[in-house]
Amino acid sequence: MSLSLTIAAPFRHSHRSELKKNEIVYYLAFKQHWMNIEQANQVISRAIEEGLIGIEGDMIRPLFDVSRVEIPLGFKPGASVFQRSDPVDDLVFRISERTGIPKGSVVSEINSIIQDVFQGNLTSEAAAVILAKRHGVEFQDLLPALREHVLTS
């Protein structure tokens, strides 16, 4: 969650749909003083790995709708932006947050989909996507990370 906010911020601030890598680094490291140059480059690399941004030539563009991202007043990214996140956990959190269902109940619903509907023949990533779709929760921005998680598990 924090990574998408961190990536959305320079695009929202500049009101542009594409930025150069150095413009993003400048925003994160010098304009906002959120991190140093090396850390800003790590954030960009993580965003590429997680499928949040794409590169065309020397331009970087977000692969999600930054206009739908609400950046809280006084936002400052935490250390979590430098750590790989579990996309299933991210989707569970998102479903819980958007629906008001406790996280434990969301996990129970995912397990129920896996066991009861698919007799154990479904990954937790796919079940989480099914549940998100049932509840009308956005999940498209997590698909690349979910695919990667399936392939590395």
C-alpha atoms as a PDB file:
ATOM      1  CA  MET A   1       0.000   0.000   0.000  1.00  0.00           C
ATOM      2  CA  SER A   2       2.704   2.420   1.000  1.00  0.00           C
ATOM      3  CA  LEU A   3       4.713   1.657  -2.152  1.00  0.00           C
ATOM      4  CA  SER A   4       1.843   2.634  -4.448  1.00  0.00           C
ATOM      5  CA  LEU A   5       1.342   5.866  -2.466  1.00  0.00           C
ATOM      6  CA  THR A   6       5.062   6.620  -2.709  1.00  0.00           C
ATOM      7  CA  ILE A   7       5.071   6.010  -6.466  1.00  0.00           C
ATOM      8  CA  ALA A   8       1.847   7.949  -7.054  1.00  0.00           C
ATOM      9  CA  ALA A   9       3.104  11.048  -5.216  1.00  0.00           C
ATOM     10  CA  PRO A  10       5.541  12.424  -7.843  1.00  0.00           C
ATOM     11  CA  PHE A  11       3.018  11.855 -10.636  1.00  0.00           C
ATOM     12  CA  ARG A  12       0.234  13.532  -8.669  1.00  0.00           C
ATOM     13  CA  HIS A  13       2.500  16.416  -7.677  1.00  0.00           C
ATOM     14  CA  SER A  14       3.677  17.086 -11.231  1.00  0.00           C
ATOM     15  CA  HIS A  15       0.242  16.468 -12.828  1.00  0.00           C
ATOM     16  CA  ARG A  16       1.981  14.373 -15.471  1.00  0.00           C
ATOM     17  CA  SER A  17       1.388  10.840 -16.673  1.00  0.00           C
ATOM     18  CA  GLU A  18       5.071  10.151 -17.446  1.00  0.00           C
ATOM     19  CA  LEU A  19       8.267  11.154 -15.677  1.00  0.00           C
ATOM     20  CA  LYS A  20      11.952  10.479 -16.158  1.00  0.00           C
ATOM     21  CA  LYS A  21      13.667   8.353 -13.553  1.00  0.00           C
ATOM     22  CA  ASN A  22      15.733  11.301 -12.343  1.00  0.00           C
ATOM     23  CA  GLU A  23      12.557  13.360 -11.834  1.00  0.00           C
ATOM     24  CA  ILE A  24      11.131  10.664  -9.566  1.00  0.00           C
ATOM     25  CA  VAL A  25      14.415  10.352  -7.663  1.00  0.00           C
ATOM     26  CA  TYR A  26      14.579  14.145  -7.295  1.00  0.00           C
ATOM     27  CA  TYR A  27      11.036  14.271  -5.924  1.00  0.00           C
ATOM     28  CA  LEU A  28      11.547  11.427  -3.432  1.00  0.00           C
ATOM     29  CA  ALA A  29      15.050  12.364  -2.251  1.00  0.00           C
ATOM     30  CA  PHE A  30      15.343  16.137  -2.550  1.00  0.00           C
ATOM     31  CA  LYS A  31      11.905  17.697  -2.801  1.00  0.00           C
ATOM     32  CA  GLN A  32      10.198  15.611  -0.102  1.00  0.00           C
ATOM     33  CA  HIS A  33      13.354  14.478   1.780  1.00  0.00           C
ATOM     34  CA  TRP A  34      11.737  11.070   2.247  1.00  0.00           C
ATOM     35  CA  MET A  35      14.884   9.072   1.464  1.00  0.00           C
ATOM     36  CA  ASN A  36      18.347   9.258  -0.061  1.00  0.00           C
ATOM     37  CA  ILE A  37      19.160   8.756  -3.743  1.00  0.00           C
ATOM     38  CA  GLU A  38      20.037   5.060  -3.357  1.00  0.00           C
ATOM     39  CA  GLN A  39      16.793   4.361  -1.530  1.00  0.00           C
ATOM     40  CA  ALA A  40      14.789   6.244  -4.178  1.00  0.00           C
ATOM     41  CA  ASN A  41      16.361   4.026  -6.831  1.00  0.00           C
ATOM     42  CA  GLN A  42      15.442   0.955  -4.730  1.00  0.00           C
ATOM     43  CA  VAL A  43      11.836   2.155  -4.566  1.00  0.00           C
ATOM     44  CA  ILE A  44      11.742   2.510  -8.345  1.00  0.00           C
ATOM     45  CA  SER A  45      13.193  -1.004  -8.763  1.00  0.00           C
ATOM     46  CA  ARG A  46      10.624  -2.449  -6.347  1.00  0.00           C
ATOM     47  CA  ALA A  47       7.815  -0.647  -8.178  1.00  0.00           C
ATOM     48  CA  ILE A  48       8.986  -2.219 -11.444  1.00  0.00           C
ATOM     49  CA  GLU A  49       9.133  -5.684  -9.814  1.00  0.00           C
ATOM     50  CA  GLU A  50       5.652  -5.252  -8.350  1.00  0.00           C
ATOM     51  CA  GLY A  51       4.224  -4.112 -11.675  1.00  0.00           C
ATOM     52  CA  LEU A  52       3.347  -0.619 -10.472  1.00  0.00           C
ATOM     53  CA  ILE A  53       5.323   1.221 -13.153  1.00  0.00           C
ATOM     54  CA  GLY A  54       6.424   0.581 -16.702  1.00  0.00           C
ATOM     55  CA  ILE A  55       9.358   1.978 -18.653  1.00  0.00           C
ATOM     56  CA  GLU A  56       9.165   3.129 -22.258  1.00  0.00           C
ATOM     57  CA  GLY A  57      12.450   4.550 -23.470  1.00  0.00           C
ATOM     58  CA  ASP A  58      13.634   6.898 -20.748  1.00  0.00           C
ATOM     59  CA  MET A  59      10.131   7.614 -19.462  1.00  0.00           C
ATOM     60  CA  ILE A  60       8.415   5.921 -16.532  1.00  0.00           C
ATOM     61  CA  ARG A  61       4.651   5.722 -16.332  1.00  0.00           C
ATOM     62  CA  PRO A  62       2.418   4.276 -13.630  1.00  0.00           C
ATOM     63  CA  LEU A  63       0.497   1.114 -14.502  1.00  0.00           C
ATOM     64  CA  PHE A  64      -2.336   2.087 -12.153  1.00  0.00           C
ATOM     65  CA  ASP A  65      -4.636   5.081 -11.954  1.00  0.00           C
ATOM     66  CA  VAL A  66      -2.767   7.560  -9.742  1.00  0.00           C
ATOM     67  CA  SER A  67      -5.784   9.869  -9.704  1.00  0.00           C
ATOM     68  CA  ARG A  68      -7.626   7.247  -7.624  1.00  0.00           C
ATOM     69  CA  VAL A  69      -4.846   7.149  -5.004  1.00  0.00           C
ATOM     70  CA  GLU A  70      -5.504   9.361  -1.993  1.00  0.00           C
ATOM     71  CA  ILE A  71      -2.260  10.597  -0.494  1.00  0.00           C
ATOM     72  CA  PRO A  72      -2.916  11.556   3.131  1.00  0.00           C
ATOM     73  CA  LEU A  73      -1.781  14.950   4.357  1.00  0.00           C
ATOM     74  CA  GLY A  74       1.637  14.548   5.958  1.00  0.00           C
ATOM     75  CA  PHE A  75       2.251  11.166   4.312  1.00  0.00           C
ATOM     76  CA  LYS A  76       5.799   9.876   4.609  1.00  0.00           C
ATOM     77  CA  PRO A  77       6.676   6.371   3.401  1.00  0.00           C
ATOM     78  CA  GLY A  78       7.894   3.926   6.012  1.00  0.00           C
ATOM     79  CA  ALA A  79      10.556   1.256   5.802  1.00  0.00           C
ATOM     80  CA  SER A  80       8.014  -1.113   4.230  1.00  0.00           C
ATOM     81  CA  VAL A  81       8.584   0.488   0.803  1.00  0.00           C
ATOM     82  CA  PHE A  82      12.017  -1.156   0.743  1.00  0.00           C
ATOM     83  CA  GLN A  83      10.750  -4.623   1.647  1.00  0.00           C
ATOM     84  CA  ARG A  84       9.030  -7.088  -0.637  1.00  0.00           C
ATOM     85  CA  SER A  85       5.432  -7.454   0.329  1.00  0.00           C
ATOM     86  CA  ASP A  86       3.221 -10.480   0.097  1.00  0.00           C
ATOM     87  CA  PRO A  87       0.614  -9.579  -2.533  1.00  0.00           C
ATOM     88  CA  VAL A  88      -1.948 -11.939  -0.994  1.00  0.00           C
ATOM     89  CA  ASP A  89      -1.593 -10.130   2.336  1.00  0.00           C
ATOM     90  CA  ASP A  90      -1.917  -6.814   0.504  1.00  0.00           C
ATOM     91  CA  LEU A  91      -5.134  -7.980  -1.153  1.00  0.00           C
ATOM     92  CA  VAL A  92      -6.511  -9.368   2.124  1.00  0.00           C
ATOM     93  CA  PHE A  93      -5.817  -5.998   3.750  1.00  0.00           C
ATOM     94  CA  ARG A  94      -7.470  -4.157   0.870  1.00  0.00           C
ATOM     95  CA  ILE A  95     -10.581  -6.369   0.962  1.00  0.00           C
ATOM     96  CA  SER A  96     -10.829  -5.961   4.724  1.00  0.00           C
ATOM     97  CA  GLU A  97     -10.368  -2.213   4.538  1.00  0.00           C
ATOM     98  CA  ARG A  98     -12.899  -1.663   1.751  1.00  0.00           C
ATOM     99  CA  THR A  99     -15.595  -4.006   3.053  1.00  0.00           C
ATOM    100  CA  GLY A 100     -15.184  -3.683   6.813  1.00  0.00           C
ATOM    101  CA  ILE A 101     -14.798  -7.453   7.135  1.00  0.00           C
ATOM    102  CA  PRO A 102     -12.101  -8.416   9.686  1.00  0.00           C
ATOM    103  CA  LYS A 103      -8.884  -9.773   8.136  1.00  0.00           C
ATOM    104  CA  GLY A 104      -9.370 -13.149   9.808  1.00  0.00           C
ATOM    105  CA  SER A 105     -12.787 -13.505   8.197  1.00  0.00           C
ATOM    106  CA  VAL A 106     -11.347 -12.546   4.801  1.00  0.00           C
ATOM    107  CA  VAL A 107      -8.695 -15.260   5.166  1.00  0.00           C
ATOM    108  CA  SER A 108     -11.425 -17.725   6.189  1.00  0.00           C
ATOM    109  CA  GLU A 109     -13.434 -16.847   3.070  1.00  0.00           C
ATOM    110  CA  ILE A 110     -10.330 -17.364   0.910  1.00  0.00           C
ATOM    111  CA  ASN A 111      -9.720 -20.759   2.517  1.00  0.00           C
ATOM    112  CA  SER A 112     -13.380 -21.648   2.023  1.00  0.00           C
ATOM    113  CA  ILE A 113     -13.141 -20.830  -1.685  1.00  0.00           C
ATOM    114  CA  ILE A 114     -10.025 -22.995  -1.983  1.00  0.00           C
ATOM    115  CA  GLN A 115     -11.403 -25.991  -0.055  1.00  0.00           C
ATOM    116  CA  ASP A 116     -15.171 -25.919  -0.540  1.00  0.00           C
ATOM    117  CA  VAL A 117     -15.507 -24.602  -4.064  1.00  0.00           C
ATOM    118  CA  PHE A 118     -12.313 -25.900  -5.686  1.00  0.00           C
ATOM    119  CA  GLN A 119     -11.578 -28.917  -3.440  1.00  0.00           C
ATOM    120  CA  GLY A 120      -8.066 -27.608  -2.714  1.00  0.00           C
ATOM    121  CA  ASN A 121      -7.179 -27.184  -6.395  1.00  0.00           C
ATOM    122  CA  LEU A 122      -6.720 -23.416  -6.338  1.00  0.00           C
ATOM    123  CA  THR A 123      -3.917 -21.158  -5.182  1.00  0.00           C
ATOM    124  CA  SER A 124      -4.462 -18.607  -2.437  1.00  0.00           C
ATOM    125  CA  GLU A 125      -3.595 -15.867  -4.939  1.00  0.00           C
ATOM    126  CA  ALA A 126      -6.423 -16.892  -7.262  1.00  0.00           C
ATOM    127  CA  ALA A 127      -8.867 -17.298  -4.394  1.00  0.00           C
ATOM    128  CA  ALA A 128      -8.016 -13.812  -3.123  1.00  0.00           C
ATOM    129  CA  VAL A 129      -8.708 -12.384  -6.583  1.00  0.00           C
ATOM    130  CA  ILE A 130     -12.060 -14.208  -6.735  1.00  0.00           C
ATOM    131  CA  LEU A 131     -12.996 -12.797  -3.336  1.00  0.00           C
ATOM    132  CA  ALA A 132     -11.900  -9.294  -4.311  1.00  0.00           C
ATOM    133  CA  LYS A 133     -14.024  -9.517  -7.433  1.00  0.00           C
ATOM    134  CA  ARG A 134     -17.033 -10.740  -5.406  1.00  0.00           C
ATOM    135  CA  HIS A 135     -16.763  -7.708  -3.142  1.00  0.00           C
ATOM    136  CA  GLY A 136     -16.020  -5.220  -5.935  1.00  0.00           C
ATOM    137  CA  VAL A 137     -12.528  -4.462  -4.614  1.00  0.00           C
ATOM    138  CA  GLU A 138      -9.861  -3.254  -7.061  1.00  0.00           C
ATOM    139  CA  PHE A 139      -7.103  -5.816  -7.587  1.00  0.00           C
ATOM    140  CA  GLN A 140      -5.751  -5.182 -11.100  1.00  0.00           C
ATOM    141  CA  ASP A 141      -2.699  -3.275  -9.853  1.00  0.00           C
ATOM    142  CA  LEU A 142      -1.688  -6.337  -7.795  1.00  0.00           C
ATOM    143  CA  LEU A 143      -1.974  -8.863 -10.647  1.00  0.00           C
ATOM    144  CA  PRO A 144       1.707  -8.689 -11.730  1.00  0.00           C
ATOM    145  CA  ALA A 145       2.879  -9.197  -8.128  1.00  0.00           C
ATOM    146  CA  LEU A 146       0.352 -12.016  -7.620  1.00  0.00           C
ATOM    147  CA  ARG A 147       1.559 -13.759 -10.795  1.00  0.00           C
ATOM    148  CA  GLU A 148       5.173 -13.401  -9.687  1.00  0.00           C
ATOM    149  CA  HIS A 149       4.267 -14.760  -6.261  1.00  0.00           C
ATOM    150  CA  VAL A 150       2.648 -17.835  -7.830  1.00  0.00           C
ATOM    151  CA  LEU A 151       5.696 -18.455 -10.016  1.00  0.00           C
ATOM    152  CA  THR A 152       8.188 -18.141  -7.143  1.00  0.00           C
ATOM    153  CA  SER A 153       6.157 -20.185  -4.636  1.00  0.00           C
END
